[in-house]
Amino acid sequence: ACQEELKLILRLTHPKFFMPVHGEYRHLVHHKNLAEKVGIPKDNI
């Protein structure tokens, strides 16, 4: 999945906590930033 699909899953599931997986460290950080953009609280990532 690219960014828009990842946003879709974040919106669809609207989890309490989020943990990015499957990727090098920069990928996990980028995914964290993407999750913040769709409204997941920073402290919950």
All heavy atoms as atom14 arrays in JSON, in Angstrom:
{
  "sequence": "ACQEELKLILRLTHPKFFMPVHGEYRHLVHHKNLAEKVGIPKDNI",
  "atom14_mask": [
    [1, 1, 1, 1, 1, 0, 0, 0, 0, 0, 0, 0, 0, 0],
    [1, 1, 1, 1, 1, 1, 0, 0, 0, 0, 0, 0, 0, 0],
    [1, 1, 1, 1, 1, 1, 1, 1, 1, 0, 0, 0, 0, 0],
    [1, 1, 1, 1, 1, 1, 1, 1, 1, 0, 0, 0, 0, 0],
    [1, 1, 1, 1, 1, 1, 1, 1, 1, 0, 0, 0, 0, 0],
    [1, 1, 1, 1, 1, 1, 1, 1, 0, 0, 0, 0, 0, 0],
    [1, 1, 1, 1, 1, 1, 1, 1, 1, 0, 0, 0, 0, 0],
    [1, 1, 1, 1, 1, 1, 1, 1, 0, 0, 0, 0, 0, 0],
    [1, 1, 1, 1, 1, 1, 1, 1, 0, 0, 0, 0, 0, 0],
    [1, 1, 1, 1, 1, 1, 1, 1, 0, 0, 0, 0, 0, 0],
    [1, 1, 1, 1, 1, 1, 1, 1, 1, 1, 1, 0, 0, 0],
    [1, 1, 1, 1, 1, 1, 1, 1, 0, 0, 0, 0, 0, 0],
    [1, 1, 1, 1, 1, 1, 1, 0, 0, 0, 0, 0, 0, 0],
    [1, 1, 1, 1, 1, 1, 1, 1, 1, 1, 0, 0, 0, 0],
    [1, 1, 1, 1, 1, 1, 1, 0, 0, 0, 0, 0, 0, 0],
    [1, 1, 1, 1, 1, 1, 1, 1, 1, 0, 0, 0, 0, 0],
    [1, 1, 1, 1, 1, 1, 1, 1, 1, 1, 1, 0, 0, 0],
    [1, 1, 1, 1, 1, 1, 1, 1, 1, 1, 1, 0, 0, 0],
    [1, 1, 1, 1, 1, 1, 1, 1, 0, 0, 0, 0, 0, 0],
    [1, 1, 1, 1, 1, 1, 1, 0, 0, 0, 0, 0, 0, 0],
    [1, 1, 1, 1, 1, 1, 1, 0, 0, 0, 0, 0, 0, 0],
    [1, 1, 1, 1, 1, 1, 1, 1, 1, 1, 0, 0, 0, 0],
    [1, 1, 1, 1, 0, 0, 0, 0, 0, 0, 0, 0, 0, 0],
    [1, 1, 1, 1, 1, 1, 1, 1, 1, 0, 0, 0, 0, 0],
    [1, 1, 1, 1, 1, 1, 1, 1, 1, 1, 1, 1, 0, 0],
    [1, 1, 1, 1, 1, 1, 1, 1, 1, 1, 1, 0, 0, 0],
    [1, 1, 1, 1, 1, 1, 1, 1, 1, 1, 0, 0, 0, 0],
    [1, 1, 1, 1, 1, 1, 1, 1, 0, 0, 0, 0, 0, 0],
    [1, 1, 1, 1, 1, 1, 1, 0, 0, 0, 0, 0, 0, 0],
    [1, 1, 1, 1, 1, 1, 1, 1, 1, 1, 0, 0, 0, 0],
    [1, 1, 1, 1, 1, 1, 1, 1, 1, 1, 0, 0, 0, 0],
    [1, 1, 1, 1, 1, 1, 1, 1, 1, 0, 0, 0, 0, 0],
    [1, 1, 1, 1, 1, 1, 1, 1, 0, 0, 0, 0, 0, 0],
    [1, 1, 1, 1, 1, 1, 1, 1, 0, 0, 0, 0, 0, 0],
    [1, 1, 1, 1, 1, 0, 0, 0, 0, 0, 0, 0, 0, 0],
    [1, 1, 1, 1, 1, 1, 1, 1, 1, 0, 0, 0, 0, 0],
    [1, 1, 1, 1, 1, 1, 1, 1, 1, 0, 0, 0, 0, 0],
    [1, 1, 1, 1, 1, 1, 1, 0, 0, 0, 0, 0, 0, 0],
    [1, 1, 1, 1, 0, 0, 0, 0, 0, 0, 0, 0, 0, 0],
    [1, 1, 1, 1, 1, 1, 1, 1, 0, 0, 0, 0, 0, 0],
    [1, 1, 1, 1, 1, 1, 1, 0, 0, 0, 0, 0, 0, 0],
    [1, 1, 1, 1, 1, 1, 1, 1, 1, 0, 0, 0, 0, 0],
    [1, 1, 1, 1, 1, 1, 1, 1, 0, 0, 0, 0, 0, 0],
    [1, 1, 1, 1, 1, 1, 1, 1, 0, 0, 0, 0, 0, 0],
    [1, 1, 1, 1, 1, 1, 1, 1, 0, 0, 0, 0, 0, 0]
  ],
  "atom14_positions": [
    [[0.82, -1.21, 0.0], [0.0, 0.0, 0.0], [0.85, 1.26, 0.0], [1.85, 1.35, 0.72], [-0.9, -0.01, 1.24], [0.0, 0.0, 0.0], [0.0, 0.0, 0.0], [0.0, 0.0, 0.0], [0.0, 0.0, 0.0], [0.0, 0.0, 0.0], [0.0, 0.0, 0.0], [0.0, 0.0, 0.0], [0.0, 0.0, 0.0], [0.0, 0.0, 0.0]],
    [[0.43, 2.24, -0.81], [1.04, 3.57, -0.79], [0.3, 4.44, 0.25], [-0.61, 3.99, 0.94], [0.98, 4.2, -2.18], [2.08, 3.38, -3.37], [0.0, 0.0, 0.0], [0.0, 0.0, 0.0], [0.0, 0.0, 0.0], [0.0, 0.0, 0.0], [0.0, 0.0, 0.0], [0.0, 0.0, 0.0], [0.0, 0.0, 0.0], [0.0, 0.0, 0.0]],
    [[0.69, 5.7, 0.32], [0.21, 6.58, 1.41], [-1.3, 6.67, 1.52], [-1.85, 6.6, 2.63], [0.81, 7.98, 1.24], [2.28, 8.05, 1.55], [2.86, 9.45, 1.4], [2.14, 10.42, 1.15], [4.17, 9.55, 1.55], [0.0, 0.0, 0.0], [0.0, 0.0, 0.0], [0.0, 0.0, 0.0], [0.0, 0.0, 0.0], [0.0, 0.0, 0.0]],
    [[-2.0, 6.84, 0.39], [-3.45, 7.02, 0.48], [-4.16, 5.77, 0.99], [-5.15, 5.85, 1.72], [-4.02, 7.45, -0.88], [-3.5, 8.8, -1.38], [-3.69, 9.9, -0.34], [-4.81, 10.03, 0.21], [-2.72, 10.64, -0.07], [0.0, 0.0, 0.0], [0.0, 0.0, 0.0], [0.0, 0.0, 0.0], [0.0, 0.0, 0.0], [0.0, 0.0, 0.0]],
    [[-3.63, 4.59, 0.63], [-4.22, 3.34, 1.13], [-3.93, 3.15, 2.61], [-4.77, 2.65, 3.36], [-3.66, 2.16, 0.34], [-4.01, 2.19, -1.14], [-2.94, 1.52, -1.98], [-1.98, 2.2, -2.38], [-3.07, 0.31, -2.22], [0.0, 0.0, 0.0], [0.0, 0.0, 0.0], [0.0, 0.0, 0.0], [0.0, 0.0, 0.0], [0.0, 0.0, 0.0]],
    [[-2.74, 3.56, 3.04], [-2.39, 3.47, 4.45], [-3.29, 4.4, 5.28], [-3.74, 4.04, 6.38], [-0.91, 3.82, 4.66], [0.09, 2.86, 4.0], [1.51, 3.39, 4.13], [-0.01, 1.46, 4.6], [0.0, 0.0, 0.0], [0.0, 0.0, 0.0], [0.0, 0.0, 0.0], [0.0, 0.0, 0.0], [0.0, 0.0, 0.0], [0.0, 0.0, 0.0]],
    [[-3.57, 5.58, 4.71], [-4.5, 6.51, 5.4], [-5.89, 5.89, 5.5], [-6.57, 6.03, 6.51], [-4.58, 7.83, 4.62], [-3.35, 8.71, 4.7], [-3.61, 9.97, 3.87], [-2.36, 10.78, 3.66], [-2.61, 11.92, 2.74], [0.0, 0.0, 0.0], [0.0, 0.0, 0.0], [0.0, 0.0, 0.0], [0.0, 0.0, 0.0], [0.0, 0.0, 0.0]],
    [[-6.3, 5.23, 4.41], [-7.63, 4.61, 4.39], [-7.77, 3.57, 5.51], [-8.77, 3.55, 6.24], [-7.86, 3.93, 3.03], [-9.15, 3.11, 2.88], [-10.38, 4.01, 3.03], [-9.18, 2.39, 1.54], [0.0, 0.0, 0.0], [0.0, 0.0, 0.0], [0.0, 0.0, 0.0], [0.0, 0.0, 0.0], [0.0, 0.0, 0.0], [0.0, 0.0, 0.0]],
    [[-6.75, 2.73, 5.69], [-6.81, 1.71, 6.74], [-6.82, 2.37, 8.13], [-7.54, 1.94, 9.04], [-5.62, 0.73, 6.6], [-5.81, -0.14, 5.36], [-5.46, -0.15, 7.84], [-7.06, -1.03, 5.38], [0.0, 0.0, 0.0], [0.0, 0.0, 0.0], [0.0, 0.0, 0.0], [0.0, 0.0, 0.0], [0.0, 0.0, 0.0], [0.0, 0.0, 0.0]],
    [[-6.04, 3.42, 8.3], [-6.03, 4.14, 9.58], [-7.41, 4.73, 9.88], [-7.91, 4.65, 11.0], [-4.97, 5.25, 9.55], [-3.51, 4.78, 9.7], [-2.55, 5.82, 9.15], [-3.2, 4.5, 11.17], [0.0, 0.0, 0.0], [0.0, 0.0, 0.0], [0.0, 0.0, 0.0], [0.0, 0.0, 0.0], [0.0, 0.0, 0.0], [0.0, 0.0, 0.0]],
    [[-8.03, 5.31, 8.84], [-9.38, 5.9, 9.02], [-10.42, 4.82, 9.27], [-11.32, 4.97, 10.09], [-9.76, 6.69, 7.76], [-9.05, 8.02, 7.6], [-9.59, 9.03, 8.55], [-9.11, 10.38, 8.24], [-9.18, 11.4, 9.07], [-9.71, 11.23, 10.28], [-8.74, 12.58, 8.72], [0.0, 0.0, 0.0], [0.0, 0.0, 0.0], [0.0, 0.0, 0.0]],
    [[-10.31, 3.73, 8.52], [-11.31, 2.67, 8.59], [-11.29, 1.97, 9.95], [-12.33, 1.64, 10.52], [-11.05, 1.65, 7.47], [-12.09, 0.56, 7.23], [-13.44, 1.17, 6.84], [-11.61, -0.39, 6.14], [0.0, 0.0, 0.0], [0.0, 0.0, 0.0], [0.0, 0.0, 0.0], [0.0, 0.0, 0.0], [0.0, 0.0, 0.0], [0.0, 0.0, 0.0]],
    [[-10.1, 1.75, 10.48], [-9.97, 1.02, 11.74], [-10.04, 1.93, 12.97], [-10.34, 1.47, 14.06], [-8.63, 0.25, 11.78], [-7.55, 1.16, 11.58], [-8.59, -0.84, 10.71], [0.0, 0.0, 0.0], [0.0, 0.0, 0.0], [0.0, 0.0, 0.0], [0.0, 0.0, 0.0], [0.0, 0.0, 0.0], [0.0, 0.0, 0.0], [0.0, 0.0, 0.0]],
    [[-9.74, 3.24, 12.78], [-9.6, 4.24, 13.86], [-9.23, 3.6, 15.21], [-10.01, 3.56, 16.15], [-10.83, 5.17, 13.97], [-12.17, 4.49, 14.01], [-12.72, 4.01, 15.17], [-13.07, 4.23, 13.03], [-13.89, 3.48, 14.92], [-14.14, 3.6, 13.62], [0.0, 0.0, 0.0], [0.0, 0.0, 0.0], [0.0, 0.0, 0.0], [0.0, 0.0, 0.0]],
    [[-7.98, 3.07, 15.27], [-7.54, 2.37, 16.48], [-7.23, 3.34, 17.62], [-6.96, 4.53, 17.4], [-6.26, 1.67, 16.02], [-5.72, 2.61, 14.97], [-6.92, 3.17, 14.26], [0.0, 0.0, 0.0], [0.0, 0.0, 0.0], [0.0, 0.0, 0.0], [0.0, 0.0, 0.0], [0.0, 0.0, 0.0], [0.0, 0.0, 0.0], [0.0, 0.0, 0.0]],
    [[-7.25, 2.82, 18.84], [-6.82, 3.63, 19.99], [-5.3, 3.86, 19.94], [-4.82, 4.97, 20.16], [-7.21, 2.94, 21.3], [-6.94, 3.78, 22.55], [-7.53, 3.12, 23.79], [-7.34, 4.01, 25.01], [-8.09, 5.27, 24.94], [0.0, 0.0, 0.0], [0.0, 0.0, 0.0], [0.0, 0.0, 0.0], [0.0, 0.0, 0.0], [0.0, 0.0, 0.0]],
    [[-4.56, 2.75, 19.64], [-3.11, 2.84, 19.54], [-2.67, 2.34, 18.17], [-3.34, 1.5, 17.56], [-2.44, 2.01, 20.64], [-2.79, 2.46, 22.03], [-3.68, 1.71, 22.8], [-2.27, 3.62, 22.56], [-4.04, 2.12, 24.08], [-2.6, 4.04, 23.84], [-3.49, 3.29, 24.6], [0.0, 0.0, 0.0], [0.0, 0.0, 0.0], [0.0, 0.0, 0.0]],
    [[-1.52, 2.85, 17.72], [-1.01, 2.47, 16.39], [0.47, 2.13, 16.48], [1.25, 2.86, 17.09], [-1.23, 3.6, 15.39], [-0.56, 3.36, 14.06], [-0.86, 2.22, 13.3], [0.38, 4.25, 13.55], [-0.24, 1.99, 12.08], [1.0, 4.03, 12.34], [0.7, 2.89, 11.6], [0.0, 0.0, 0.0], [0.0, 0.0, 0.0], [0.0, 0.0, 0.0]],
    [[0.84, 1.03, 15.83], [2.25, 0.6, 15.79], [2.61, 0.23, 14.35], [2.15, -0.79, 13.83], [2.43, -0.62, 16.71], [3.8, -1.23, 16.69], [3.81, -2.65, 17.85], [5.25, -3.51, 17.27], [0.0, 0.0, 0.0], [0.0, 0.0, 0.0], [0.0, 0.0, 0.0], [0.0, 0.0, 0.0], [0.0, 0.0, 0.0], [0.0, 0.0, 0.0]],
    [[3.42, 1.06, 13.68], [3.84, 0.71, 12.31], [4.78, -0.49, 12.34], [5.62, -0.62, 13.24], [4.57, 1.97, 11.82], [4.93, 2.74, 13.04], [3.96, 2.35, 14.12], [0.0, 0.0, 0.0], [0.0, 0.0, 0.0], [0.0, 0.0, 0.0], [0.0, 0.0, 0.0], [0.0, 0.0, 0.0], [0.0, 0.0, 0.0], [0.0, 0.0, 0.0]],
    [[4.64, -1.4, 11.36], [5.48, -2.59, 11.27], [5.97, -2.77, 9.83], [5.57, -2.02, 8.94], [4.72, -3.87, 11.73], [4.38, -3.79, 13.2], [3.45, -4.1, 10.9], [0.0, 0.0, 0.0], [0.0, 0.0, 0.0], [0.0, 0.0, 0.0], [0.0, 0.0, 0.0], [0.0, 0.0, 0.0], [0.0, 0.0, 0.0], [0.0, 0.0, 0.0]],
    [[6.81, -3.76, 9.61], [7.32, -4.13, 8.29], [8.0, -2.96, 7.58], [7.45, -2.35, 6.66], [6.2, -4.66, 7.38], [5.54, -5.89, 7.89], [4.49, -6.49, 7.24], [5.77, -6.65, 8.98], [4.1, -7.54, 7.91], [4.87, -7.66, 8.98], [0.0, 0.0, 0.0], [0.0, 0.0, 0.0], [0.0, 0.0, 0.0], [0.0, 0.0, 0.0]],
    [[9.21, -2.65, 7.97], [9.95, -1.6, 7.28], [11.21, -1.21, 8.02], [11.38, -1.55, 9.2], [0.0, 0.0, 0.0], [0.0, 0.0, 0.0], [0.0, 0.0, 0.0], [0.0, 0.0, 0.0], [0.0, 0.0, 0.0], [0.0, 0.0, 0.0], [0.0, 0.0, 0.0], [0.0, 0.0, 0.0], [0.0, 0.0, 0.0], [0.0, 0.0, 0.0]],
    [[12.09, -0.54, 7.3], [13.28, 0.02, 7.94], [12.84, 1.17, 8.84], [11.7, 1.64, 8.76], [14.27, 0.48, 6.87], [14.82, -0.7, 6.06], [15.75, -0.27, 4.93], [16.07, 0.94, 4.84], [16.14, -1.14, 4.14], [0.0, 0.0, 0.0], [0.0, 0.0, 0.0], [0.0, 0.0, 0.0], [0.0, 0.0, 0.0], [0.0, 0.0, 0.0]],
    [[13.76, 1.65, 9.68], [13.35, 2.61, 10.71], [12.72, 3.86, 10.11], [11.74, 4.39, 10.63], [14.54, 2.98, 11.61], [14.09, 3.62, 12.9], [13.57, 2.84, 13.93], [14.13, 5.0, 13.07], [13.11, 3.41, 15.11], [13.68, 5.58, 14.24], [13.18, 4.79, 15.25], [12.72, 5.37, 16.42], [0.0, 0.0, 0.0], [0.0, 0.0, 0.0]],
    [[13.26, 4.33, 8.99], [12.7, 5.54, 8.38], [11.25, 5.31, 7.93], [10.42, 6.21, 8.0], [13.56, 6.01, 7.21], [13.49, 5.16, 5.97], [14.35, 5.74, 4.84], [14.11, 5.05, 3.59], [14.7, 3.92, 3.23], [15.54, 3.33, 4.05], [14.44, 3.37, 2.05], [0.0, 0.0, 0.0], [0.0, 0.0, 0.0], [0.0, 0.0, 0.0]],
    [[10.96, 4.08, 7.46], [9.59, 3.76, 7.04], [8.64, 3.85, 8.24], [7.52, 4.36, 8.12], [9.52, 2.36, 6.43], [10.34, 2.19, 5.2], [11.22, 1.15, 5.04], [10.43, 2.94, 4.07], [11.81, 1.27, 3.86], [11.35, 2.34, 3.26], [0.0, 0.0, 0.0], [0.0, 0.0, 0.0], [0.0, 0.0, 0.0], [0.0, 0.0, 0.0]],
    [[9.08, 3.33, 9.38], [8.23, 3.36, 10.57], [7.96, 4.8, 11.0], [6.83, 5.15, 11.38], [8.9, 2.58, 11.72], [9.35, 1.14, 11.41], [9.95, 0.49, 12.65], [8.19, 0.29, 10.88], [0.0, 0.0, 0.0], [0.0, 0.0, 0.0], [0.0, 0.0, 0.0], [0.0, 0.0, 0.0], [0.0, 0.0, 0.0], [0.0, 0.0, 0.0]],
    [[8.98, 5.65, 10.92], [8.81, 7.07, 11.31], [7.88, 7.78, 10.34], [7.0, 8.55, 10.74], [10.18, 7.78, 11.39], [10.0, 9.28, 11.6], [11.02, 7.19, 12.52], [0.0, 0.0, 0.0], [0.0, 0.0, 0.0], [0.0, 0.0, 0.0], [0.0, 0.0, 0.0], [0.0, 0.0, 0.0], [0.0, 0.0, 0.0], [0.0, 0.0, 0.0]],
    [[8.05, 7.52, 9.03], [7.15, 8.15, 8.04], [5.7, 7.71, 8.28], [4.77, 8.5, 8.15], [7.57, 7.76, 6.62], [8.8, 8.46, 6.14], [8.97, 9.83, 6.27], [9.92, 8.0, 5.52], [10.15, 10.18, 5.75], [10.74, 9.08, 5.31], [0.0, 0.0, 0.0], [0.0, 0.0, 0.0], [0.0, 0.0, 0.0], [0.0, 0.0, 0.0]],
    [[5.52, 6.43, 8.63], [4.17, 5.93, 8.89], [3.59, 6.59, 10.15], [2.39, 6.89, 10.21], [4.21, 4.4, 9.03], [2.93, 3.74, 8.65], [2.81, 2.39, 8.43], [1.67, 4.23, 8.45], [1.56, 2.09, 8.11], [0.86, 3.18, 8.14], [0.0, 0.0, 0.0], [0.0, 0.0, 0.0], [0.0, 0.0, 0.0], [0.0, 0.0, 0.0]],
    [[4.43, 6.79, 11.13], [4.02, 7.5, 12.35], [3.52, 8.9, 11.99], [2.45, 9.34, 12.43], [5.21, 7.59, 13.31], [5.01, 8.53, 14.5], [6.3, 8.61, 15.32], [6.16, 9.59, 16.46], [6.14, 11.0, 16.01], [0.0, 0.0, 0.0], [0.0, 0.0, 0.0], [0.0, 0.0, 0.0], [0.0, 0.0, 0.0], [0.0, 0.0, 0.0]],
    [[4.28, 9.62, 11.15], [3.9, 10.97, 10.74], [2.58, 10.96, 9.96], [1.75, 11.86, 10.11], [5.0, 11.6, 9.88], [6.3, 11.77, 10.66], [6.28, 11.81, 11.9], [7.42, 11.86, 9.96], [0.0, 0.0, 0.0], [0.0, 0.0, 0.0], [0.0, 0.0, 0.0], [0.0, 0.0, 0.0], [0.0, 0.0, 0.0], [0.0, 0.0, 0.0]],
    [[2.4, 9.93, 9.13], [1.17, 9.8, 8.34], [-0.03, 9.6, 9.28], [-1.11, 10.18, 9.07], [1.31, 8.6, 7.4], [0.4, 8.56, 6.17], [0.82, 9.64, 5.19], [0.52, 7.19, 5.5], [0.0, 0.0, 0.0], [0.0, 0.0, 0.0], [0.0, 0.0, 0.0], [0.0, 0.0, 0.0], [0.0, 0.0, 0.0], [0.0, 0.0, 0.0]],
    [[0.17, 8.78, 10.32], [-0.9, 8.51, 11.28], [-1.3, 9.78, 12.03], [-2.48, 10.01, 12.31], [-0.46, 7.42, 12.26], [0.0, 0.0, 0.0], [0.0, 0.0, 0.0], [0.0, 0.0, 0.0], [0.0, 0.0, 0.0], [0.0, 0.0, 0.0], [0.0, 0.0, 0.0], [0.0, 0.0, 0.0], [0.0, 0.0, 0.0], [0.0, 0.0, 0.0]],
    [[-0.33, 10.6, 12.34], [-0.63, 11.88, 13.03], [-1.51, 12.76, 12.14], [-2.43, 13.43, 12.62], [0.67, 12.61, 13.37], [1.41, 12.03, 14.56], [2.66, 12.84, 14.91], [2.55, 14.08, 14.98], [3.73, 12.23, 15.09], [0.0, 0.0, 0.0], [0.0, 0.0, 0.0], [0.0, 0.0, 0.0], [0.0, 0.0, 0.0], [0.0, 0.0, 0.0]],
    [[-1.23, 12.74, 10.83], [-2.0, 13.57, 9.89], [-3.47, 13.17, 9.84], [-4.34, 14.0, 9.53], [-1.4, 13.48, 8.48], [-0.09, 14.23, 8.34], [0.46, 14.08, 6.93], [1.82, 14.75, 6.8], [2.42, 14.52, 5.47], [0.0, 0.0, 0.0], [0.0, 0.0, 0.0], [0.0, 0.0, 0.0], [0.0, 0.0, 0.0], [0.0, 0.0, 0.0]],
    [[-3.76, 11.88, 10.08], [-5.16, 11.45, 10.03], [-5.8, 11.43, 11.42], [-6.87, 10.86, 11.62], [-5.33, 10.07, 9.35], [-4.86, 10.12, 7.91], [-4.62, 8.96, 10.11], [0.0, 0.0, 0.0], [0.0, 0.0, 0.0], [0.0, 0.0, 0.0], [0.0, 0.0, 0.0], [0.0, 0.0, 0.0], [0.0, 0.0, 0.0], [0.0, 0.0, 0.0]],
    [[-5.12, 12.03, 12.38], [-5.77, 12.25, 13.67], [-5.44, 11.3, 14.8], [-6.03, 11.39, 15.88], [0.0, 0.0, 0.0], [0.0, 0.0, 0.0], [0.0, 0.0, 0.0], [0.0, 0.0, 0.0], [0.0, 0.0, 0.0], [0.0, 0.0, 0.0], [0.0, 0.0, 0.0], [0.0, 0.0, 0.0], [0.0, 0.0, 0.0], [0.0, 0.0, 0.0]],
    [[-4.49, 10.38, 14.61], [-4.09, 9.51, 15.73], [-3.22, 10.35, 16.66], [-2.22, 10.94, 16.22], [-3.28, 8.27, 15.24], [-4.03, 7.5, 14.15], [-2.92, 7.37, 16.43], [-5.21, 6.72, 14.61], [0.0, 0.0, 0.0], [0.0, 0.0, 0.0], [0.0, 0.0, 0.0], [0.0, 0.0, 0.0], [0.0, 0.0, 0.0], [0.0, 0.0, 0.0]],
    [[-3.55, 10.45, 17.95], [-2.73, 11.26, 18.86], [-1.29, 10.8, 18.88], [-1.01, 9.59, 18.88], [-3.4, 11.03, 20.23], [-4.79, 10.6, 19.92], [-4.71, 9.84, 18.64], [0.0, 0.0, 0.0], [0.0, 0.0, 0.0], [0.0, 0.0, 0.0], [0.0, 0.0, 0.0], [0.0, 0.0, 0.0], [0.0, 0.0, 0.0], [0.0, 0.0, 0.0]],
    [[-0.38, 11.76, 18.89], [1.05, 11.47, 18.84], [1.47, 10.49, 19.94], [2.26, 9.57, 19.72], [1.82, 12.77, 18.98], [3.31, 12.65, 18.79], [3.97, 14.02, 18.88], [5.48, 13.91, 18.66], [6.12, 15.25, 18.71], [0.0, 0.0, 0.0], [0.0, 0.0, 0.0], [0.0, 0.0, 0.0], [0.0, 0.0, 0.0], [0.0, 0.0, 0.0]],
    [[0.92, 10.67, 21.14], [1.31, 9.81, 22.27], [0.78, 8.39, 22.14], [1.19, 7.5, 22.9], [0.8, 10.42, 23.59], [1.52, 11.72, 23.92], [2.61, 11.95, 23.35], [0.99, 12.5, 24.74], [0.0, 0.0, 0.0], [0.0, 0.0, 0.0], [0.0, 0.0, 0.0], [0.0, 0.0, 0.0], [0.0, 0.0, 0.0], [0.0, 0.0, 0.0]],
    [[-0.15, 8.18, 21.21], [-0.73, 6.84, 21.02], [-0.07, 6.06, 19.88], [-0.54, 5.0, 19.5], [-2.24, 6.94, 20.75], [-3.01, 7.33, 22.0], [-2.44, 7.74, 22.99], [-4.31, 7.17, 21.96], [0.0, 0.0, 0.0], [0.0, 0.0, 0.0], [0.0, 0.0, 0.0], [0.0, 0.0, 0.0], [0.0, 0.0, 0.0], [0.0, 0.0, 0.0]],
    [[1.0, 6.65, 19.31], [1.72, 5.99, 18.22], [3.04, 5.48, 18.76], [3.81, 6.23, 19.37], [1.95, 6.96, 17.04], [0.62, 7.55, 16.56], [2.66, 6.25, 15.9], [0.76, 8.67, 15.57], [0.0, 0.0, 0.0], [0.0, 0.0, 0.0], [0.0, 0.0, 0.0], [0.0, 0.0, 0.0], [0.0, 0.0, 0.0], [0.0, 0.0, 0.0]]
  ]
}
